[in-house]
Amino acid sequence: MSVNIDLAFTVTGVADEPQAREIVGALEELMREESMDGYVRITVAADADADGACRVLGKSRFPLSISGFHRWQPHFESLFATTVADVTAAARAEIDWGYPDEES
């Protein structure tokens, strides 16, 4: 059975724009590997609190239909955290899952 989900994520603790662009590239590769390329928009935003620091933001363009979500979710979250940590251990990655079919 598949579930419709919304995916949103934020990566904070990014030193500067070049590092943010490196994270974006790594996450775009992850999205390709997970067959979600083109479905998730990834952007860079300046962090207002820190000089030169950035955030990497991502959001699904529309609900994603995932079969076996309960098995896939921990797999994806682990890959996501590892992908970000491989670029910089200082960054903090947070994923927010939404369930549009349950919202009224």
C-alpha atoms as a PDB file:
ATOM      1  CA  MET A   1       0.000   0.000   0.000  1.00  0.00           C
ATOM      2  CA  SER A   2       1.281   3.442  -0.813  1.00  0.00           C
ATOM      3  CA  VAL A   3       0.967   6.619   1.208  1.00  0.00           C
ATOM      4  CA  ASN A   4       0.900  10.196  -0.020  1.00  0.00           C
ATOM      5  CA  ILE A   5       3.452  12.279   1.838  1.00  0.00           C
ATOM      6  CA  ASP A   6       4.810  15.800   1.751  1.00  0.00           C
ATOM      7  CA  LEU A   7       8.546  16.067   2.308  1.00  0.00           C
ATOM      8  CA  ALA A   8      10.149  19.214   3.692  1.00  0.00           C
ATOM      9  CA  PHE A   9      13.614  19.602   5.136  1.00  0.00           C
ATOM     10  CA  THR A  10      15.981  22.201   6.519  1.00  0.00           C
ATOM     11  CA  VAL A  11      19.737  21.962   6.874  1.00  0.00           C
ATOM     12  CA  THR A  12      21.204  24.548   9.263  1.00  0.00           C
ATOM     13  CA  GLY A  13      24.722  25.161  10.516  1.00  0.00           C
ATOM     14  CA  VAL A  14      26.028  25.617   6.973  1.00  0.00           C
ATOM     15  CA  ALA A  15      29.150  27.787   6.984  1.00  0.00           C
ATOM     16  CA  ASP A  16      28.705  29.675   3.714  1.00  0.00           C
ATOM     17  CA  GLU A  17      27.152  29.612   0.255  1.00  0.00           C
ATOM     18  CA  PRO A  18      29.830  27.391  -1.356  1.00  0.00           C
ATOM     19  CA  GLN A  19      29.250  24.765   1.343  1.00  0.00           C
ATOM     20  CA  ALA A  20      25.485  25.147   0.895  1.00  0.00           C
ATOM     21  CA  ARG A  21      25.859  24.553  -2.862  1.00  0.00           C
ATOM     22  CA  GLU A  22      27.900  21.427  -2.128  1.00  0.00           C
ATOM     23  CA  ILE A  23      25.114  20.141   0.137  1.00  0.00           C
ATOM     24  CA  VAL A  24      22.533  20.935  -2.559  1.00  0.00           C
ATOM     25  CA  GLY A  25      24.522  18.907  -5.092  1.00  0.00           C
ATOM     26  CA  ALA A  26      24.831  15.958  -2.708  1.00  0.00           C
ATOM     27  CA  LEU A  27      21.108  16.059  -1.893  1.00  0.00           C
ATOM     28  CA  GLU A  28      20.173  16.327  -5.573  1.00  0.00           C
ATOM     29  CA  GLU A  29      22.199  13.154  -6.164  1.00  0.00           C
ATOM     30  CA  LEU A  30      20.367  11.458  -3.277  1.00  0.00           C
ATOM     31  CA  MET A  31      17.026  12.494  -4.793  1.00  0.00           C
ATOM     32  CA  ARG A  32      18.102  10.952  -8.132  1.00  0.00           C
ATOM     33  CA  GLU A  33      19.132   7.728  -6.393  1.00  0.00           C
ATOM     34  CA  GLU A  34      15.774   7.575  -4.621  1.00  0.00           C
ATOM     35  CA  SER A  35      13.866   8.352  -7.863  1.00  0.00           C
ATOM     36  CA  MET A  36      12.622  11.688  -6.530  1.00  0.00           C
ATOM     37  CA  ASP A  37      14.618  14.016  -8.784  1.00  0.00           C
ATOM     38  CA  GLY A  38      12.320  16.634 -10.213  1.00  0.00           C
ATOM     39  CA  TYR A  39       9.834  16.091  -7.394  1.00  0.00           C
ATOM     40  CA  VAL A  40      11.722  17.960  -4.654  1.00  0.00           C
ATOM     41  CA  ARG A  41      12.841  21.570  -4.934  1.00  0.00           C
ATOM     42  CA  ILE A  42      16.086  22.374  -3.086  1.00  0.00           C
ATOM     43  CA  THR A  43      17.175  25.973  -2.441  1.00  0.00           C
ATOM     44  CA  VAL A  44      19.748  27.968  -0.489  1.00  0.00           C
ATOM     45  CA  ALA A  45      18.783  30.832   1.833  1.00  0.00           C
ATOM     46  CA  ALA A  46      20.959  33.249   3.745  1.00  0.00           C
ATOM     47  CA  ASP A  47      20.745  32.723   7.497  1.00  0.00           C
ATOM     48  CA  ALA A  48      19.712  36.063   8.995  1.00  0.00           C
ATOM     49  CA  ASP A  49      21.291  35.250  12.374  1.00  0.00           C
ATOM     50  CA  ALA A  50      24.863  34.591  11.238  1.00  0.00           C
ATOM     51  CA  ASP A  51      27.352  36.404   9.036  1.00  0.00           C
ATOM     52  CA  GLY A  52      27.625  34.487   5.769  1.00  0.00           C
ATOM     53  CA  ALA A  53      25.915  31.355   7.094  1.00  0.00           C
ATOM     54  CA  CYS A  54      23.242  29.692   4.973  1.00  0.00           C
ATOM     55  CA  ARG A  55      20.433  27.194   5.189  1.00  0.00           C
ATOM     56  CA  VAL A  56      19.501  24.560   2.646  1.00  0.00           C
ATOM     57  CA  LEU A  57      15.755  24.106   2.251  1.00  0.00           C
ATOM     58  CA  GLY A  58      13.797  21.458   0.424  1.00  0.00           C
ATOM     59  CA  LYS A  59      10.139  20.809  -0.232  1.00  0.00           C
ATOM     60  CA  SER A  60       8.260  18.355  -2.393  1.00  0.00           C
ATOM     61  CA  ARG A  61       6.465  20.078  -5.248  1.00  0.00           C
ATOM     62  CA  PHE A  62       3.372  17.926  -4.646  1.00  0.00           C
ATOM     63  CA  PRO A  63       2.530  14.883  -2.510  1.00  0.00           C
ATOM     64  CA  LEU A  64       4.798  11.902  -3.156  1.00  0.00           C
ATOM     65  CA  SER A  65       3.267   8.446  -3.350  1.00  0.00           C
ATOM     66  CA  ILE A  66       5.570   6.059  -1.454  1.00  0.00           C
ATOM     67  CA  SER A  67       4.959   2.312  -1.281  1.00  0.00           C
ATOM     68  CA  GLY A  68       6.042   0.742   2.012  1.00  0.00           C
ATOM     69  CA  PHE A  69       6.624   4.156   3.582  1.00  0.00           C
ATOM     70  CA  HIS A  70       7.064   2.710   7.087  1.00  0.00           C
ATOM     71  CA  ARG A  71      10.064   0.692   5.820  1.00  0.00           C
ATOM     72  CA  TRP A  72      11.440   3.338   3.465  1.00  0.00           C
ATOM     73  CA  GLN A  73      11.259   6.300   5.893  1.00  0.00           C
ATOM     74  CA  PRO A  74      14.088   5.215   8.269  1.00  0.00           C
ATOM     75  CA  HIS A  75      16.208   4.180   5.271  1.00  0.00           C
ATOM     76  CA  PHE A  76      15.773   7.595   3.634  1.00  0.00           C
ATOM     77  CA  GLU A  77      16.301   9.536   6.871  1.00  0.00           C
ATOM     78  CA  SER A  78      19.577   7.684   7.454  1.00  0.00           C
ATOM     79  CA  LEU A  79      20.785   8.322   3.899  1.00  0.00           C
ATOM     80  CA  PHE A  80      19.766  11.972   4.193  1.00  0.00           C
ATOM     81  CA  ALA A  81      21.689  12.494   7.453  1.00  0.00           C
ATOM     82  CA  THR A  82      24.756  10.701   6.077  1.00  0.00           C
ATOM     83  CA  THR A  83      24.670  12.716   2.852  1.00  0.00           C
ATOM     84  CA  VAL A  84      24.683  16.008   4.768  1.00  0.00           C
ATOM     85  CA  ALA A  85      27.316  14.815   7.280  1.00  0.00           C
ATOM     86  CA  ASP A  86      29.593  13.738   4.434  1.00  0.00           C
ATOM     87  CA  VAL A  87      29.767  17.390   3.358  1.00  0.00           C
ATOM     88  CA  THR A  88      30.030  18.861   6.865  1.00  0.00           C
ATOM     89  CA  ALA A  89      29.571  17.320  10.282  1.00  0.00           C
ATOM     90  CA  ALA A  90      28.653  20.760  11.678  1.00  0.00           C
ATOM     91  CA  ALA A  91      25.341  20.925   9.800  1.00  0.00           C
ATOM     92  CA  ARG A  92      22.059  19.856  11.358  1.00  0.00           C
ATOM     93  CA  ALA A  93      19.493  18.211   9.111  1.00  0.00           C
ATOM     94  CA  GLU A  94      15.804  18.068   9.957  1.00  0.00           C
ATOM     95  CA  ILE A  95      13.070  16.363   7.953  1.00  0.00           C
ATOM     96  CA  ASP A  96       9.377  17.148   8.331  1.00  0.00           C
ATOM     97  CA  TRP A  97       6.874  14.681   6.923  1.00  0.00           C
ATOM     98  CA  GLY A  98       3.350  15.755   6.067  1.00  0.00           C
ATOM     99  CA  TYR A  99       0.370  13.520   5.419  1.00  0.00           C
ATOM    100  CA  PRO A 100      -1.972  15.486   3.130  1.00  0.00           C
ATOM    101  CA  ASP A 101      -4.631  12.756   3.024  1.00  0.00           C
ATOM    102  CA  GLU A 102      -5.069  13.058   6.796  1.00  0.00           C
ATOM    103  CA  GLU A 103      -5.305  16.863   6.851  1.00  0.00           C
ATOM    104  CA  SER A 104      -8.685  18.505   6.652  1.00  0.00           C
END
